[in-house]
Amino acid sequence: MPDQHRDFFASLPLLWVALPDANGAPLATVLSGEPGFIDSPDPQRLTIAALPAAPLVARRGAPIGLLGLEHHTRRRNRANGHVESIGPLGFSVRVEESFGNCPRFITPREALPVARQRETQALAALDADARALIGTADTAFIATSGAATGGMDMSHRGGPPGFMALEGETVTIPDFPGNRFFNTLGNLLLEPRAALLLPDFTQGRALLLQGRAETRWEGERAVQFHTEHAWWQEGVLPFTWAPA
């Protein structure tokens, strides 16, 4: 990683994370701490003084996708690699690629820390709160897996409130023009299993969906995500938020 990426990650209070479950299917969450809870002791390594919320588990050797997002400036960098070691309070990542993304479609926000208790609640189906969040959200993150490499990738999706559509258990996410890296769409062509993470900035929690996704190419390009499992990750966003 270049020094500017290392310094950027070390300055963040939040880190958006993609990890595989025991069957290799992507899951996603967000980690938090005081700035400095992420450190880069050398250009190939990040250490993170936090552990993921259930149902995620950091396993040694597992692929991992990381997205650092400075919400008030809209700057974002991604880093992908493998979990190198795990301790009682955190884990380290061997970074194999690190790159920046443009700030388009990121809603700027200022974060102020507040104490929250973490707890995960499994849902048998999308409840009313989940449906309301999907219908009003301006921010989402999608976790995918590279079938050829087995790597994980975490990508931001954003737009005006309500930019995503929900029909039954299927979420449609427009694929607006961006960097044209096509990491997410390329991964989905080979491996449809994916996860969708929607932050609830008001309640300090996140909605995690796991399922399968494909790209709709006709008309306006979009990702259609078919929900198979869902969880509320309570307390994973220990902040209050204000427009930046």
Protein backbone atom coordinates (compact mmCIF):
# COMPACT_ATOMS: atom_id res chain seq x y z
CA MET A 1 0.00 0.00 0.00
CA PRO A 2 1.23 3.53 -0.64
CA ASP A 3 1.77 5.63 2.47
CA GLN A 4 -1.29 7.77 1.73
CA HIS A 5 -3.51 4.65 1.83
CA ARG A 6 -1.89 3.47 5.06
CA ASP A 7 -2.38 6.87 6.70
CA PHE A 8 -5.95 7.05 5.42
CA PHE A 9 -7.01 3.74 6.95
CA ALA A 10 -5.32 4.65 10.25
CA SER A 11 -7.38 7.86 10.47
CA LEU A 12 -10.79 6.17 10.18
CA PRO A 13 -13.36 5.39 12.91
CA LEU A 14 -15.19 2.92 10.61
CA LEU A 15 -14.25 0.07 8.29
CA TRP A 16 -16.68 -1.76 5.99
CA VAL A 17 -15.79 -5.45 5.73
CA ALA A 18 -16.61 -8.47 3.54
CA LEU A 19 -15.79 -11.99 4.78
CA PRO A 20 -16.93 -15.47 3.68
CA ASP A 21 -19.12 -17.74 5.77
CA ALA A 22 -18.21 -21.39 6.36
CA ASN A 23 -19.47 -22.26 2.85
CA GLY A 24 -17.56 -19.45 1.13
CA ALA A 25 -20.59 -17.21 0.57
CA PRO A 26 -20.00 -13.49 1.21
CA LEU A 27 -21.16 -11.75 4.39
CA ALA A 28 -20.65 -8.11 5.37
CA THR A 29 -20.45 -5.85 8.40
CA VAL A 30 -18.90 -2.63 9.66
CA LEU A 31 -16.18 -2.34 12.32
CA SER A 32 -15.65 0.74 14.46
CA GLY A 33 -13.27 2.24 17.00
CA GLU A 34 -11.37 5.35 17.92
CA PRO A 35 -9.24 6.64 15.02
CA GLY A 36 -6.11 4.53 15.21
CA PHE A 37 -7.97 1.26 15.79
CA ILE A 38 -6.70 0.44 12.29
CA ASP A 39 -2.91 0.47 11.96
CA SER A 40 -0.49 -0.31 9.15
CA PRO A 41 2.81 -1.55 10.59
CA ASP A 42 4.19 -2.10 7.08
CA PRO A 43 3.00 -1.56 3.47
CA GLN A 44 1.60 -5.11 3.20
CA ARG A 45 -0.33 -5.25 6.46
CA LEU A 46 -3.28 -3.76 8.34
CA THR A 47 -4.04 -4.54 11.98
CA ILE A 48 -7.60 -3.96 13.17
CA ALA A 49 -8.45 -3.69 16.87
CA ALA A 50 -12.02 -4.96 16.49
CA LEU A 51 -13.82 -8.19 15.69
CA PRO A 52 -16.82 -8.57 13.37
CA ALA A 53 -20.41 -8.88 14.57
CA ALA A 54 -22.28 -12.16 14.12
CA PRO A 55 -22.87 -13.97 11.86
CA LEU A 56 -19.39 -13.05 10.58
CA VAL A 57 -16.30 -14.82 11.89
CA ALA A 58 -12.72 -13.86 11.00
CA ARG A 59 -10.85 -17.08 10.21
CA ARG A 60 -7.12 -17.29 9.66
CA GLY A 61 -6.38 -17.50 5.94
CA ALA A 62 -9.85 -16.32 4.92
CA PRO A 63 -10.13 -13.82 2.06
CA ILE A 64 -11.30 -10.38 3.13
CA GLY A 65 -12.46 -7.22 1.38
CA LEU A 66 -12.11 -3.86 3.12
CA LEU A 67 -13.59 -0.49 2.26
CA GLY A 68 -12.45 2.63 4.08
CA LEU A 69 -14.80 5.56 3.68
CA GLU A 70 -14.26 9.04 5.11
CA HIS A 71 -17.90 10.03 5.15
CA HIS A 72 -17.52 13.79 5.60
CA THR A 73 -15.05 14.16 2.68
CA ARG A 74 -16.45 11.25 0.60
CA ARG A 75 -12.94 9.85 0.10
CA ARG A 76 -12.79 6.06 -0.15
CA ASN A 77 -10.12 3.40 -0.59
CA ARG A 78 -10.44 -0.36 -0.92
CA ALA A 79 -8.02 -3.05 0.22
CA ASN A 80 -8.31 -6.78 -0.40
CA GLY A 81 -6.26 -9.62 1.00
CA HIS A 82 -6.36 -12.45 3.54
CA VAL A 83 -6.74 -12.66 7.31
CA GLU A 84 -3.24 -13.30 8.61
CA SER A 85 -3.70 -13.69 12.37
CA ILE A 86 -6.50 -13.40 14.94
CA GLY A 87 -6.38 -12.35 18.58
CA PRO A 88 -8.93 -11.84 21.35
CA LEU A 89 -9.41 -8.16 20.45
CA GLY A 90 -8.78 -8.02 16.71
CA PHE A 91 -7.00 -9.42 13.69
CA SER A 92 -4.43 -8.59 11.02
CA VAL A 93 -4.77 -8.60 7.24
CA ARG A 94 -2.14 -9.31 4.63
CA VAL A 95 -3.02 -6.75 1.92
CA GLU A 96 -2.66 -7.90 -1.67
CA GLU A 97 -4.26 -4.96 -3.47
CA SER A 98 -5.24 -1.42 -2.50
CA PHE A 99 -6.85 1.21 -4.69
CA GLY A 100 -8.91 4.37 -4.54
CA ASN A 101 -12.43 5.03 -5.80
CA CYS A 102 -14.14 8.21 -6.94
CA PRO A 103 -16.47 9.97 -4.45
CA ARG A 104 -19.57 9.92 -6.67
CA PHE A 105 -22.91 9.01 -5.06
CA ILE A 106 -21.55 9.18 -1.50
CA THR A 107 -23.76 11.22 0.84
CA PRO A 108 -21.48 13.34 3.09
CA ARG A 109 -22.05 12.89 6.84
CA GLU A 110 -20.35 13.92 10.07
CA ALA A 111 -20.10 11.25 12.78
CA LEU A 112 -20.12 11.84 16.55
CA PRO A 113 -19.38 8.84 18.81
CA VAL A 114 -22.13 7.49 21.07
CA ALA A 115 -22.22 4.29 23.13
CA ARG A 116 -24.27 1.42 21.65
CA GLN A 117 -24.58 -2.27 22.51
CA ARG A 118 -23.86 -4.77 19.72
CA GLU A 119 -26.34 -7.58 19.17
CA THR A 120 -27.34 -9.61 16.10
CA GLN A 121 -30.94 -10.61 15.38
CA ALA A 122 -31.73 -13.16 12.67
CA LEU A 123 -34.87 -12.53 10.60
CA ALA A 124 -37.11 -15.23 9.17
CA ALA A 125 -38.14 -12.71 6.48
CA LEU A 126 -37.72 -9.00 5.84
CA ASP A 127 -39.65 -7.19 8.57
CA ALA A 128 -41.36 -3.80 8.32
CA ASP A 129 -38.26 -1.93 9.53
CA ALA A 130 -36.08 -3.69 6.97
CA ARG A 131 -38.47 -2.87 4.14
CA ALA A 132 -38.69 0.75 5.26
CA LEU A 133 -34.90 1.08 5.37
CA ILE A 134 -34.47 -0.40 1.89
CA GLY A 135 -37.11 2.00 0.58
CA THR A 136 -35.47 5.13 2.03
CA ALA A 137 -31.72 4.38 2.15
CA ASP A 138 -29.16 6.46 0.27
CA THR A 139 -26.24 4.13 1.03
CA ALA A 140 -25.54 0.41 0.64
CA PHE A 141 -22.53 -1.88 0.43
CA ILE A 142 -22.30 -5.06 -1.62
CA ALA A 143 -19.91 -7.91 -0.85
CA THR A 144 -18.92 -10.26 -3.66
CA SER A 145 -16.41 -13.04 -4.26
CA GLY A 146 -14.00 -13.56 -7.13
CA ALA A 147 -14.60 -17.14 -8.25
CA ALA A 148 -11.23 -17.42 -9.99
CA THR A 149 -9.16 -16.09 -7.08
CA GLY A 150 -11.45 -16.76 -4.11
CA GLY A 151 -10.93 -13.17 -2.99
CA MET A 152 -13.54 -10.94 -1.35
CA ASP A 153 -14.52 -7.44 -2.45
CA MET A 154 -16.57 -4.75 -0.69
CA SER A 155 -18.13 -2.01 -2.81
CA HIS A 156 -20.22 1.10 -2.08
CA ARG A 157 -23.52 1.87 -3.79
CA GLY A 158 -25.30 5.17 -3.28
CA GLY A 159 -27.88 7.55 -4.66
CA PRO A 160 -30.78 9.74 -3.60
CA PRO A 161 -32.99 8.38 -0.79
CA GLY A 162 -35.07 5.56 -2.21
CA PHE A 163 -32.68 4.81 -5.09
CA MET A 164 -33.12 1.08 -4.48
CA ALA A 165 -36.35 -0.77 -5.26
CA LEU A 166 -37.83 -3.71 -3.34
CA GLU A 167 -40.25 -6.25 -4.77
CA GLY A 168 -40.96 -9.21 -2.54
CA GLU A 169 -37.54 -10.27 -1.27
CA THR A 170 -35.63 -8.89 -4.30
CA VAL A 171 -33.70 -5.62 -4.05
CA THR A 172 -32.82 -3.79 -7.28
CA ILE A 173 -29.76 -1.53 -7.08
CA PRO A 174 -29.03 0.80 -10.02
CA ASP A 175 -25.47 0.58 -11.31
CA PHE A 176 -24.64 4.25 -11.80
CA PRO A 177 -21.49 5.25 -13.75
CA GLY A 178 -18.36 5.35 -11.60
CA ASN A 179 -14.74 4.23 -11.93
CA ARG A 180 -15.70 1.47 -14.38
CA PHE A 181 -13.57 -1.05 -12.51
CA PHE A 182 -16.51 -3.51 -12.76
CA ASN A 183 -15.18 -5.51 -9.79
CA THR A 184 -18.67 -6.24 -8.49
CA LEU A 185 -20.30 -6.99 -11.84
CA GLY A 186 -17.37 -9.13 -12.95
CA ASN A 187 -17.49 -11.14 -9.74
CA LEU A 188 -21.25 -11.69 -10.06
CA LEU A 189 -20.84 -13.09 -13.57
CA LEU A 190 -18.81 -15.96 -12.13
CA GLU A 191 -20.12 -16.21 -8.55
CA PRO A 192 -23.71 -15.06 -7.89
CA ARG A 193 -23.54 -15.45 -4.11
CA ALA A 194 -23.36 -12.02 -2.49
CA ALA A 195 -24.25 -9.96 0.57
CA LEU A 196 -25.85 -6.55 0.89
CA LEU A 197 -25.30 -4.29 3.92
CA LEU A 198 -27.55 -1.28 4.51
CA PRO A 199 -26.52 1.10 7.30
CA ASP A 200 -29.33 2.56 9.40
CA PHE A 201 -27.63 5.80 10.40
CA THR A 202 -30.57 6.90 12.57
CA GLN A 203 -30.72 3.77 14.74
CA GLY A 204 -26.99 2.97 14.71
CA ARG A 205 -27.46 -0.47 13.19
CA ALA A 206 -27.12 -2.26 9.86
CA LEU A 207 -29.32 -4.60 7.87
CA LEU A 208 -27.36 -7.55 6.47
CA LEU A 209 -28.82 -9.54 3.59
CA GLN A 210 -27.26 -12.66 2.11
CA GLY A 211 -28.40 -14.24 -1.14
CA ARG A 212 -27.74 -14.34 -4.86
CA ALA A 213 -27.45 -11.53 -7.36
CA GLU A 214 -27.22 -10.98 -11.08
CA THR A 215 -26.80 -7.99 -13.35
CA ARG A 216 -29.73 -6.76 -15.42
CA TRP A 217 -28.15 -5.45 -18.61
CA GLU A 218 -31.20 -4.32 -20.56
CA GLY A 219 -32.37 -0.72 -20.05
CA GLU A 220 -30.74 0.96 -17.06
CA ARG A 221 -28.05 -1.42 -15.80
CA ALA A 222 -28.82 -2.69 -12.30
CA VAL A 223 -27.98 -5.45 -9.84
CA GLN A 224 -30.92 -7.59 -8.73
CA PHE A 225 -30.31 -9.11 -5.30
CA HIS A 226 -32.49 -12.03 -4.18
CA THR A 227 -32.57 -12.26 -0.39
CA GLU A 228 -32.17 -15.70 1.21
CA HIS A 229 -31.09 -14.74 4.75
CA ALA A 230 -31.33 -11.52 6.76
CA TRP A 231 -30.04 -10.12 10.04
CA TRP A 232 -30.20 -6.89 12.00
CA GLN A 233 -26.74 -6.02 13.34
CA GLU A 234 -27.66 -3.77 16.24
CA GLY A 235 -25.17 -1.25 17.60
CA VAL A 236 -22.52 -1.65 14.89
CA LEU A 237 -22.67 2.09 14.09
CA PRO A 238 -21.93 3.73 17.48
CA PHE A 239 -22.36 7.28 16.23
CA THR A 240 -24.90 10.00 15.73
CA TRP A 241 -24.82 11.53 12.27
CA ALA A 242 -25.36 14.99 10.84
CA PRO A 243 -25.15 16.34 7.28
CA ALA A 244 -21.62 17.43 6.36
